[in-house]
Every structure is written in C-alpha cells, then in structure tokens.
Amino acid sequence: MIEKIYILENRKIDGIEKEKKKIEEFLKSCGKVVENSPENVDLIISLGGDGTLLKAAHLSESDTLIYGIKFGKVGFLTNSPDNVEKKLQNILKGDFKVSERMVLKITLKKEGKVLNTDFALNDCVVFRKGIRIIDMEIKMDSEIIYNLRGDGIIFSTPTGSTAHSLSAGGPVIFPEMEAILIIPVCPYTLGWRSVILSPDKIYTLKISSEGEITVDGQRNYQIDKNFSVEITSSEKKAKIIMDDDKFFERLSSKFNWSK
C-alpha cells in the first residue's frame, strides 16, 4: 500500500514548481502524505528527465518505488505527463507494473583501504583527467580482461546500455536482464570489443595516472595510480514503475530503432 510519497523535481525546468504543486495537491486529495524527505517513503515521483530519475534512484531505499514523469529533454526511463492524475490514481490503487533493474556497487579503494562506496543504476564511467590518454588494467576476479590505453572505460548495467554506453558503441541489452557491460572509450588499438559479463564476478580497475570517475552522471571522484575500483552487482534493486513494458517501442521512438 502506497501511503507516503516524496516528489523530486528538477528545479532548472521552467514551470516545474507549478507542476509539482498540482501533483502534490492531487496526492493529498487522495489521502496520501507528501513528505519533505525521501527517507522511509513508499514512492518517489521524479519530475524531469532521466537524470532526475537517476537521482531519485540514488535517494531510494530497497523497497521504494520510483515513478518518473517526463518534463526534461531525455525521457527513456520516464513517462508521459499526459493524463498524469489518472495514472497516479491507478498507481495508488495498486494497478501498476514494476520493472526491477539491477544496480552496480562501486567500491573505491586506495592502497587497499576502502574510501567510498557508491551505486549506479546506469553506469560508472572512468575517464582520463587532462589531455593525455591513460593505461588501464581491468580484471574479472584474477583474470585480465583488458590491458589497453585510451580515454577511459564504461561499466554499464542493462538499463545503462541505452545511455552513455550506446554512444560509445556498446550493444543494447534488455533492461531487466542481469549482466555487466564493459566498453572501452576511444581505445588506442584496432583490436578491442565491448564485453557482456556475469553479474556474479568482481571487476577491478586500475589506471596509470590521474583520472575521474562519474557515477550515473550524479557524482564524481578523483583517482590515480594508487587507487583501485571494484565493480560488482549490488543486492539493491531499482523498482521503476513504467506506464508500459514496450521496450522496443521506446527504442523506436527515441532512437529510430528498425526504421
């Protein structure tokens, strides 16, 4: 039963506060509590694009539902604002489908000591800092997958396969599958391929000089040769409510799939 709801809006969008107020008033008229914090809520409603929904996923807890309403430019994970009150009414009655998505766990270590842990619904992108390319070593458990030079590397979930990974030449993976996709970014070699690997392994990255990690486009970390980055699948799942489950129809509308 959905009782407590948090609304997350992208305040950079013109008129978004007005839209938020209308939704808030509707939810209250249905007898629901609209909270000022995302802690211990049943549902987070994001108002914006996919970036706002990713932020909502970072704020969510294990059982929190997420519903994105598209007011931004990119809306692959979000839903149309048309007939929004009717859609919300159905959700509050329990008439909805949940798309459960795997999440990456990113552990940042320096000289063997854990400094930080983060989570990614889309991807973890490691990129050079400055103008020079970097040397990268990526292992699956103890086996080396890549030893190459380039601008960086992307660790992506199936959900993220239609995001940065797609732009870097990676394959599309059905979003409810569980797999980890690794894509080199501008590698300085003719012999490379992106790989789709098991979510049950530990992947470790080391780089030769200074670099930067971006998690879901939300947070940045500075690293160098003294750091290692571990990527695994997380026990946490993102529970996203979608108006429909027509993945390939969305591909067609956003990316002209099969046209």
C-alpha atoms as a PDB file:
ATOM      1  CA  MET A   1       0.000   0.000   0.000  1.00  0.00           C
ATOM      2  CA  ILE A   2       1.382   3.403  -1.010  1.00  0.00           C
ATOM      3  CA  GLU A   3       0.882   5.963   1.755  1.00  0.00           C
ATOM      4  CA  LYS A   4       3.976   8.176   1.957  1.00  0.00           C
ATOM      5  CA  ILE A   5       5.307   9.891  -1.161  1.00  0.00           C
ATOM      6  CA  TYR A   6       8.249  12.161  -1.945  1.00  0.00           C
ATOM      7  CA  ILE A   7       8.325  14.396  -5.036  1.00  0.00           C
ATOM      8  CA  LEU A   8      11.720  15.175  -6.580  1.00  0.00           C
ATOM      9  CA  GLU A   9      11.725  17.927  -9.192  1.00  0.00           C
ATOM     10  CA  ASN A  10      14.404  19.328 -11.488  1.00  0.00           C
ATOM     11  CA  ARG A  11      14.301  22.958 -10.455  1.00  0.00           C
ATOM     12  CA  LYS A  12      16.124  24.056 -13.598  1.00  0.00           C
ATOM     13  CA  ILE A  13      12.996  23.368 -15.663  1.00  0.00           C
ATOM     14  CA  ASP A  14      10.711  26.367 -16.178  1.00  0.00           C
ATOM     15  CA  GLY A  15       7.313  25.946 -14.526  1.00  0.00           C
ATOM     16  CA  ILE A  16       8.265  22.758 -12.677  1.00  0.00           C
ATOM     17  CA  GLU A  17       7.240  24.113  -9.257  1.00  0.00           C
ATOM     18  CA  LYS A  18       3.730  24.704 -10.581  1.00  0.00           C
ATOM     19  CA  GLU A  19       3.553  21.128 -11.864  1.00  0.00           C
ATOM     20  CA  LYS A  20       4.851  19.825  -8.548  1.00  0.00           C
ATOM     21  CA  LYS A  21       2.209  21.751  -6.611  1.00  0.00           C
ATOM     22  CA  LYS A  22      -0.596  20.357  -8.769  1.00  0.00           C
ATOM     23  CA  ILE A  23       0.597  16.781  -8.229  1.00  0.00           C
ATOM     24  CA  GLU A  24       1.101  17.390  -4.507  1.00  0.00           C
ATOM     25  CA  GLU A  25      -2.439  18.736  -4.129  1.00  0.00           C
ATOM     26  CA  PHE A  26      -3.856  15.780  -6.047  1.00  0.00           C
ATOM     27  CA  LEU A  27      -1.997  13.263  -3.862  1.00  0.00           C
ATOM     28  CA  LYS A  28      -3.214  14.965  -0.694  1.00  0.00           C
ATOM     29  CA  SER A  29      -6.783  14.920  -2.020  1.00  0.00           C
ATOM     30  CA  CYS A  30      -6.384  11.140  -2.293  1.00  0.00           C
ATOM     31  CA  GLY A  31      -5.481  10.974   1.399  1.00  0.00           C
ATOM     32  CA  LYS A  32      -1.759  10.436   0.876  1.00  0.00           C
ATOM     33  CA  VAL A  33       1.105  12.016   2.811  1.00  0.00           C
ATOM     34  CA  VAL A  34       3.617  14.058   0.791  1.00  0.00           C
ATOM     35  CA  GLU A  35       6.904  14.052   2.676  1.00  0.00           C
ATOM     36  CA  ASN A  36       9.699  16.628   2.651  1.00  0.00           C
ATOM     37  CA  SER A  37      12.367  13.900   2.727  1.00  0.00           C
ATOM     38  CA  PRO A  38      12.866  10.691   0.677  1.00  0.00           C
ATOM     39  CA  GLU A  39      13.543   8.645   3.821  1.00  0.00           C
ATOM     40  CA  ASN A  40      11.066   5.866   4.626  1.00  0.00           C
ATOM     41  CA  VAL A  41       8.668   6.683   1.795  1.00  0.00           C
ATOM     42  CA  ASP A  42       6.774   4.168  -0.342  1.00  0.00           C
ATOM     43  CA  LEU A  43       7.069   6.072  -3.616  1.00  0.00           C
ATOM     44  CA  ILE A  44       9.343   8.718  -5.129  1.00  0.00           C
ATOM     45  CA  ILE A  45       7.899  10.685  -8.038  1.00  0.00           C
ATOM     46  CA  SER A  46      10.550  12.358 -10.198  1.00  0.00           C
ATOM     47  CA  LEU A  47       9.634  15.377 -12.328  1.00  0.00           C
ATOM     48  CA  GLY A  48      12.202  15.938 -15.070  1.00  0.00           C
ATOM     49  CA  GLY A  49      14.211  13.743 -17.391  1.00  0.00           C
ATOM     50  CA  ASP A  50      16.211  10.576 -16.941  1.00  0.00           C
ATOM     51  CA  GLY A  51      18.833  12.420 -14.894  1.00  0.00           C
ATOM     52  CA  THR A  52      16.206  13.327 -12.298  1.00  0.00           C
ATOM     53  CA  LEU A  53      15.027   9.723 -12.157  1.00  0.00           C
ATOM     54  CA  LEU A  54      18.627   8.550 -11.652  1.00  0.00           C
ATOM     55  CA  LYS A  55      18.904  10.967  -8.746  1.00  0.00           C
ATOM     56  CA  ALA A  56      15.665   9.507  -7.340  1.00  0.00           C
ATOM     57  CA  ALA A  57      17.172   6.017  -7.619  1.00  0.00           C
ATOM     58  CA  HIS A  58      20.151   7.165  -5.531  1.00  0.00           C
ATOM     59  CA  LEU A  59      17.756   8.521  -2.899  1.00  0.00           C
ATOM     60  CA  SER A  60      15.581   5.421  -2.848  1.00  0.00           C
ATOM     61  CA  GLU A  61      15.744   2.552  -0.388  1.00  0.00           C
ATOM     62  CA  SER A  62      15.406  -1.161  -1.180  1.00  0.00           C
ATOM     63  CA  ASP A  63      11.597  -1.240  -1.285  1.00  0.00           C
ATOM     64  CA  THR A  64      10.957   2.264  -2.582  1.00  0.00           C
ATOM     65  CA  LEU A  65       9.022   2.519  -5.839  1.00  0.00           C
ATOM     66  CA  ILE A  66      10.084   5.140  -8.398  1.00  0.00           C
ATOM     67  CA  TYR A  67       7.798   6.785 -10.949  1.00  0.00           C
ATOM     68  CA  GLY A  68       9.260   9.267 -13.405  1.00  0.00           C
ATOM     69  CA  ILE A  69       7.205  11.896 -15.218  1.00  0.00           C
ATOM     70  CA  LYS A  70       8.908  13.413 -18.244  1.00  0.00           C
ATOM     71  CA  PHE A  71       9.430  17.159 -18.115  1.00  0.00           C
ATOM     72  CA  GLY A  72      13.049  17.086 -19.305  1.00  0.00           C
ATOM     73  CA  LYS A  73      14.797  16.542 -22.635  1.00  0.00           C
ATOM     74  CA  VAL A  74      15.678  12.853 -22.261  1.00  0.00           C
ATOM     75  CA  GLY A  75      12.932  10.516 -21.154  1.00  0.00           C
ATOM     76  CA  PHE A  76      13.803   6.904 -21.854  1.00  0.00           C
ATOM     77  CA  LEU A  77      13.076   5.903 -18.240  1.00  0.00           C
ATOM     78  CA  THR A  78      10.286   8.395 -17.618  1.00  0.00           C
ATOM     79  CA  ASN A  79       6.610   8.503 -18.583  1.00  0.00           C
ATOM     80  CA  SER A  80       4.469  11.000 -20.472  1.00  0.00           C
ATOM     81  CA  PRO A  81       2.826  13.753 -18.364  1.00  0.00           C
ATOM     82  CA  ASP A  82      -0.436  13.247 -20.283  1.00  0.00           C
ATOM     83  CA  ASN A  83      -3.363  12.164 -18.051  1.00  0.00           C
ATOM     84  CA  VAL A  84      -0.998  12.181 -15.091  1.00  0.00           C
ATOM     85  CA  GLU A  85      -3.733  12.301 -12.429  1.00  0.00           C
ATOM     86  CA  LYS A  86      -5.428   9.215 -13.877  1.00  0.00           C
ATOM     87  CA  LYS A  87      -2.081   7.381 -13.987  1.00  0.00           C
ATOM     88  CA  LEU A  88      -1.286   8.337 -10.399  1.00  0.00           C
ATOM     89  CA  GLN A  89      -4.749   7.259  -9.324  1.00  0.00           C
ATOM     90  CA  ASN A  90      -4.118   3.805 -10.819  1.00  0.00           C
ATOM     91  CA  ILE A  91      -0.740   3.588  -9.081  1.00  0.00           C
ATOM     92  CA  LEU A  92      -2.280   4.498  -5.722  1.00  0.00           C
ATOM     93  CA  LYS A  93      -4.865   1.739  -6.246  1.00  0.00           C
ATOM     94  CA  GLY A  94      -2.055  -0.753  -6.889  1.00  0.00           C
ATOM     95  CA  ASP A  95      -2.727  -1.006 -10.616  1.00  0.00           C
ATOM     96  CA  PHE A  96       0.828  -0.849 -11.971  1.00  0.00           C
ATOM     97  CA  LYS A  97       3.751  -2.965 -13.144  1.00  0.00           C
ATOM     98  CA  VAL A  98       7.239  -2.747 -11.665  1.00  0.00           C
ATOM     99  CA  SER A  99      10.348  -3.083 -13.803  1.00  0.00           C
ATOM    100  CA  GLU A 100      13.052  -4.318 -11.432  1.00  0.00           C
ATOM    101  CA  ARG A 101      16.543  -3.224 -12.517  1.00  0.00           C
ATOM    102  CA  MET A 102      19.962  -4.357 -11.354  1.00  0.00           C
ATOM    103  CA  VAL A 103      22.295  -1.804  -9.774  1.00  0.00           C
ATOM    104  CA  LEU A 104      26.092  -1.661  -9.719  1.00  0.00           C
ATOM    105  CA  LYS A 105      28.040  -1.365  -6.497  1.00  0.00           C
ATOM    106  CA  ILE A 106      31.229   0.692  -6.857  1.00  0.00           C
ATOM    107  CA  THR A 107      33.915   0.440  -4.176  1.00  0.00           C
ATOM    108  CA  LEU A 108      36.757   2.939  -4.261  1.00  0.00           C
ATOM    109  CA  LYS A 109      39.989   1.852  -2.578  1.00  0.00           C
ATOM    110  CA  LYS A 110      43.352   3.498  -2.014  1.00  0.00           C
ATOM    111  CA  GLU A 111      46.288   1.256  -1.166  1.00  0.00           C
ATOM    112  CA  GLY A 112      43.807  -1.443  -0.121  1.00  0.00           C
ATOM    113  CA  LYS A 113      41.737   0.796   2.170  1.00  0.00           C
ATOM    114  CA  VAL A 114      38.067   1.408   1.331  1.00  0.00           C
ATOM    115  CA  LEU A 115      37.425   5.137   0.890  1.00  0.00           C
ATOM    116  CA  ASN A 116      33.936   5.192  -0.531  1.00  0.00           C
ATOM    117  CA  THR A 117      31.070   3.038  -1.784  1.00  0.00           C
ATOM    118  CA  ASP A 118      28.518   4.162  -4.353  1.00  0.00           C
ATOM    119  CA  PHE A 119      25.766   2.719  -6.530  1.00  0.00           C
ATOM    120  CA  ALA A 120      24.855   3.105 -10.205  1.00  0.00           C
ATOM    121  CA  LEU A 121      21.598   2.352 -11.977  1.00  0.00           C
ATOM    122  CA  ASN A 122      23.042   3.363 -15.357  1.00  0.00           C
ATOM    123  CA  ASP A 123      26.810   3.326 -15.334  1.00  0.00           C
ATOM    124  CA  CYS A 124      30.174   4.047 -13.822  1.00  0.00           C
ATOM    125  CA  VAL A 125      32.428   5.929 -16.240  1.00  0.00           C
ATOM    126  CA  VAL A 126      36.197   6.168 -15.717  1.00  0.00           C
ATOM    127  CA  PHE A 127      37.841   8.881 -17.824  1.00  0.00           C
ATOM    128  CA  ARG A 128      41.246  10.469 -18.226  1.00  0.00           C
ATOM    129  CA  LYS A 129      41.948  13.767 -16.490  1.00  0.00           C
ATOM    130  CA  GLY A 130      43.615  16.295 -18.749  1.00  0.00           C
ATOM    131  CA  ILE A 131      44.680  15.770 -22.351  1.00  0.00           C
ATOM    132  CA  ARG A 132      46.783  12.595 -22.125  1.00  0.00           C
ATOM    133  CA  ILE A 133      45.331   9.124 -22.565  1.00  0.00           C
ATOM    134  CA  ILE A 134      45.673   6.614 -19.742  1.00  0.00           C
ATOM    135  CA  ASP A 135      46.738   2.987 -19.377  1.00  0.00           C
ATOM    136  CA  MET A 136      44.028   0.774 -17.897  1.00  0.00           C
ATOM    137  CA  GLU A 137      44.004  -2.727 -16.475  1.00  0.00           C
ATOM    138  CA  ILE A 138      40.638  -4.390 -15.935  1.00  0.00           C
ATOM    139  CA  LYS A 139      40.315  -7.791 -14.256  1.00  0.00           C
ATOM    140  CA  MET A 140      37.444 -10.203 -13.730  1.00  0.00           C
ATOM    141  CA  ASP A 141      38.335 -11.776 -10.393  1.00  0.00           C
ATOM    142  CA  SER A 142      42.025 -12.522 -11.064  1.00  0.00           C
ATOM    143  CA  GLU A 143      41.805 -12.780 -14.883  1.00  0.00           C
ATOM    144  CA  ILE A 144      42.772  -9.790 -17.036  1.00  0.00           C
ATOM    145  CA  ILE A 145      40.042  -8.696 -19.468  1.00  0.00           C
ATOM    146  CA  TYR A 146      41.707  -5.591 -20.869  1.00  0.00           C
ATOM    147  CA  ASN A 147      45.191  -4.117 -20.807  1.00  0.00           C
ATOM    148  CA  LEU A 148      44.879  -1.077 -23.025  1.00  0.00           C
ATOM    149  CA  ARG A 149      45.375   2.637 -23.499  1.00  0.00           C
ATOM    150  CA  GLY A 150      42.584   5.057 -24.202  1.00  0.00           C
ATOM    151  CA  ASP A 151      40.372   7.851 -22.915  1.00  0.00           C
ATOM    152  CA  GLY A 152      38.508   5.699 -20.431  1.00  0.00           C
ATOM    153  CA  ILE A 153      36.115   2.835 -19.863  1.00  0.00           C
ATOM    154  CA  ILE A 154      32.413   2.373 -19.077  1.00  0.00           C
ATOM    155  CA  PHE A 155      30.907  -0.187 -16.711  1.00  0.00           C
ATOM    156  CA  SER A 156      27.214  -0.321 -17.523  1.00  0.00           C
ATOM    157  CA  THR A 157      24.072  -2.096 -16.353  1.00  0.00           C
ATOM    158  CA  PRO A 158      21.499  -3.295 -18.916  1.00  0.00           C
ATOM    159  CA  THR A 159      19.489  -0.163 -18.037  1.00  0.00           C
ATOM    160  CA  GLY A 160      22.535   1.953 -18.899  1.00  0.00           C
ATOM    161  CA  SER A 161      23.066   0.170 -22.224  1.00  0.00           C
ATOM    162  CA  THR A 162      20.822   2.807 -23.864  1.00  0.00           C
ATOM    163  CA  ALA A 163      22.752   5.693 -22.262  1.00  0.00           C
ATOM    164  CA  HIS A 164      26.480   6.588 -22.430  1.00  0.00           C
ATOM    165  CA  SER A 165      27.312   3.013 -23.388  1.00  0.00           C
ATOM    166  CA  LEU A 166      25.198   3.282 -26.539  1.00  0.00           C
ATOM    167  CA  SER A 167      27.004   6.457 -27.596  1.00  0.00           C
ATOM    168  CA  ALA A 168      30.336   4.670 -27.132  1.00  0.00           C
ATOM    169  CA  GLY A 169      29.304   1.861 -29.482  1.00  0.00           C
ATOM    170  CA  GLY A 170      28.056  -0.670 -26.941  1.00  0.00           C
ATOM    171  CA  PRO A 171      25.188  -3.114 -27.573  1.00  0.00           C
ATOM    172  CA  VAL A 172      21.603  -2.737 -26.383  1.00  0.00           C
ATOM    173  CA  ILE A 173      20.706  -5.154 -23.571  1.00  0.00           C
ATOM    174  CA  PHE A 174      17.148  -5.847 -22.450  1.00  0.00           C
ATOM    175  CA  PRO A 175      16.858  -3.763 -19.250  1.00  0.00           C
ATOM    176  CA  GLU A 176      15.509  -6.446 -16.905  1.00  0.00           C
ATOM    177  CA  MET A 177      18.402  -8.812 -17.579  1.00  0.00           C
ATOM    178  CA  GLU A 178      21.317  -9.049 -15.146  1.00  0.00           C
ATOM    179  CA  ALA A 179      24.731  -8.513 -16.696  1.00  0.00           C
ATOM    180  CA  ILE A 180      27.662  -6.106 -16.561  1.00  0.00           C
ATOM    181  CA  LEU A 181      28.686  -4.441 -19.798  1.00  0.00           C
ATOM    182  CA  ILE A 182      32.247  -3.085 -20.224  1.00  0.00           C
ATOM    183  CA  ILE A 183      33.023  -0.677 -23.076  1.00  0.00           C
ATOM    184  CA  PRO A 184      36.432   0.940 -23.720  1.00  0.00           C
ATOM    185  CA  VAL A 185      36.193   4.627 -24.691  1.00  0.00           C
ATOM    186  CA  CYS A 186      38.400   5.573 -27.655  1.00  0.00           C
ATOM    187  CA  PRO A 187      40.969   2.797 -27.080  1.00  0.00           C
ATOM    188  CA  TYR A 188      44.290   3.261 -28.858  1.00  0.00           C
ATOM    189  CA  THR A 189      44.148  -0.086 -30.660  1.00  0.00           C
ATOM    190  CA  LEU A 190      42.358  -1.773 -33.545  1.00  0.00           C
ATOM    191  CA  GLY A 191      41.766  -4.953 -31.566  1.00  0.00           C
ATOM    192  CA  TRP A 192      39.064  -4.442 -28.947  1.00  0.00           C
ATOM    193  CA  ARG A 193      35.435  -5.341 -28.357  1.00  0.00           C
ATOM    194  CA  SER A 194      32.923  -4.453 -25.678  1.00  0.00           C
ATOM    195  CA  VAL A 195      32.068  -7.450 -23.483  1.00  0.00           C
ATOM    196  CA  ILE A 196      28.923  -8.576 -21.650  1.00  0.00           C
ATOM    197  CA  LEU A 197      29.842 -10.437 -18.481  1.00  0.00           C
ATOM    198  CA  SER A 198      28.414 -12.195 -15.452  1.00  0.00           C
ATOM    199  CA  PRO A 199      26.982 -10.057 -12.625  1.00  0.00           C
ATOM    200  CA  ASP A 200      28.362 -12.578 -10.116  1.00  0.00           C
ATOM    201  CA  LYS A 201      32.028 -11.657 -10.571  1.00  0.00           C
ATOM    202  CA  ILE A 202      34.199  -8.893  -9.113  1.00  0.00           C
ATOM    203  CA  TYR A 203      35.664  -6.459 -11.652  1.00  0.00           C
ATOM    204  CA  THR A 204      38.731  -4.430 -10.693  1.00  0.00           C
ATOM    205  CA  LEU A 205      40.117  -1.389 -12.481  1.00  0.00           C
ATOM    206  CA  LYS A 206      43.491   0.294 -12.120  1.00  0.00           C
ATOM    207  CA  ILE A 207      44.817   3.226 -14.129  1.00  0.00           C
ATOM    208  CA  SER A 208      48.316   4.559 -14.763  1.00  0.00           C
ATOM    209  CA  SER A 209      47.830   8.236 -13.897  1.00  0.00           C
ATOM    210  CA  GLU A 210      45.159  10.727 -12.884  1.00  0.00           C
ATOM    211  CA  GLY A 211      41.558  10.077 -13.806  1.00  0.00           C
ATOM    212  CA  GLU A 212      37.992  10.770 -12.823  1.00  0.00           C
ATOM    213  CA  ILE A 213      35.032   8.504 -12.046  1.00  0.00           C
ATOM    214  CA  THR A 214      31.464   9.627 -12.743  1.00  0.00           C
ATOM    215  CA  VAL A 215      28.623   7.586 -11.239  1.00  0.00           C
ATOM    216  CA  ASP A 216      25.279   7.910 -13.066  1.00  0.00           C
ATOM    217  CA  GLY A 217      26.253  11.442 -14.049  1.00  0.00           C
ATOM    218  CA  GLN A 218      25.496  12.385 -10.421  1.00  0.00           C
ATOM    219  CA  ARG A 219      28.777  12.163  -8.505  1.00  0.00           C
ATOM    220  CA  ASN A 220      32.479  12.473  -9.324  1.00  0.00           C
ATOM    221  CA  TYR A 221      35.585  11.007  -7.704  1.00  0.00           C
ATOM    222  CA  GLN A 222      39.238  11.754  -8.450  1.00  0.00           C
ATOM    223  CA  ILE A 223      41.598   8.762  -8.705  1.00  0.00           C
ATOM    224  CA  ASP A 224      45.195   7.998  -9.672  1.00  0.00           C
ATOM    225  CA  LYS A 225      47.581   5.024  -9.903  1.00  0.00           C
ATOM    226  CA  ASN A 226      47.330   4.423  -6.127  1.00  0.00           C
ATOM    227  CA  PHE A 227      43.604   3.682  -6.384  1.00  0.00           C
ATOM    228  CA  SER A 228      41.657   0.611  -7.388  1.00  0.00           C
ATOM    229  CA  VAL A 229      37.984   0.493  -8.282  1.00  0.00           C
ATOM    230  CA  GLU A 230      35.866  -2.609  -7.658  1.00  0.00           C
ATOM    231  CA  ILE A 231      32.595  -3.056  -9.534  1.00  0.00           C
ATOM    232  CA  THR A 232      30.056  -5.748  -8.628  1.00  0.00           C
ATOM    233  CA  SER A 233      26.311  -6.174  -8.802  1.00  0.00           C
ATOM    234  CA  SER A 234      24.523  -4.797  -5.757  1.00  0.00           C
ATOM    235  CA  GLU A 235      21.905  -6.517  -3.624  1.00  0.00           C
ATOM    236  CA  LYS A 236      19.894  -3.327  -4.033  1.00  0.00           C
ATOM    237  CA  LYS A 237      17.423  -3.195  -6.935  1.00  0.00           C
ATOM    238  CA  ALA A 238      15.761  -0.188  -8.536  1.00  0.00           C
ATOM    239  CA  LYS A 239      11.979  -0.676  -8.713  1.00  0.00           C
ATOM    240  CA  ILE A 240      10.721   1.526 -11.522  1.00  0.00           C
ATOM    241  CA  ILE A 241       7.060   1.925 -12.443  1.00  0.00           C
ATOM    242  CA  MET A 242       6.580   2.197 -16.202  1.00  0.00           C
ATOM    243  CA  ASP A 243       3.323   3.065 -17.992  1.00  0.00           C
ATOM    244  CA  ASP A 244       4.095   0.252 -20.430  1.00  0.00           C
ATOM    245  CA  ASP A 245       6.626  -2.539 -20.885  1.00  0.00           C
ATOM    246  CA  LYS A 246       7.153  -1.961 -24.623  1.00  0.00           C
ATOM    247  CA  PHE A 247      10.937  -1.618 -24.578  1.00  0.00           C
ATOM    248  CA  PHE A 248      11.427  -1.845 -28.326  1.00  0.00           C
ATOM    249  CA  GLU A 249       8.661   0.653 -28.959  1.00  0.00           C
ATOM    250  CA  ARG A 250      10.580   3.088 -26.774  1.00  0.00           C
ATOM    251  CA  LEU A 251      13.747   2.315 -28.729  1.00  0.00           C
ATOM    252  CA  SER A 252      11.881   3.081 -31.917  1.00  0.00           C
ATOM    253  CA  SER A 253      10.513   6.416 -30.682  1.00  0.00           C
ATOM    254  CA  LYS A 254      13.793   7.612 -29.133  1.00  0.00           C
ATOM    255  CA  PHE A 255      16.433   6.190 -31.485  1.00  0.00           C
ATOM    256  CA  ASN A 256      14.541   5.320 -34.695  1.00  0.00           C
ATOM    257  CA  TRP A 257      15.075   1.616 -33.962  1.00  0.00           C
ATOM    258  CA  SER A 258      14.410  -0.572 -37.047  1.00  0.00           C
ATOM    259  CA  LYS A 259      13.360   2.427 -39.159  1.00  0.00           C
END
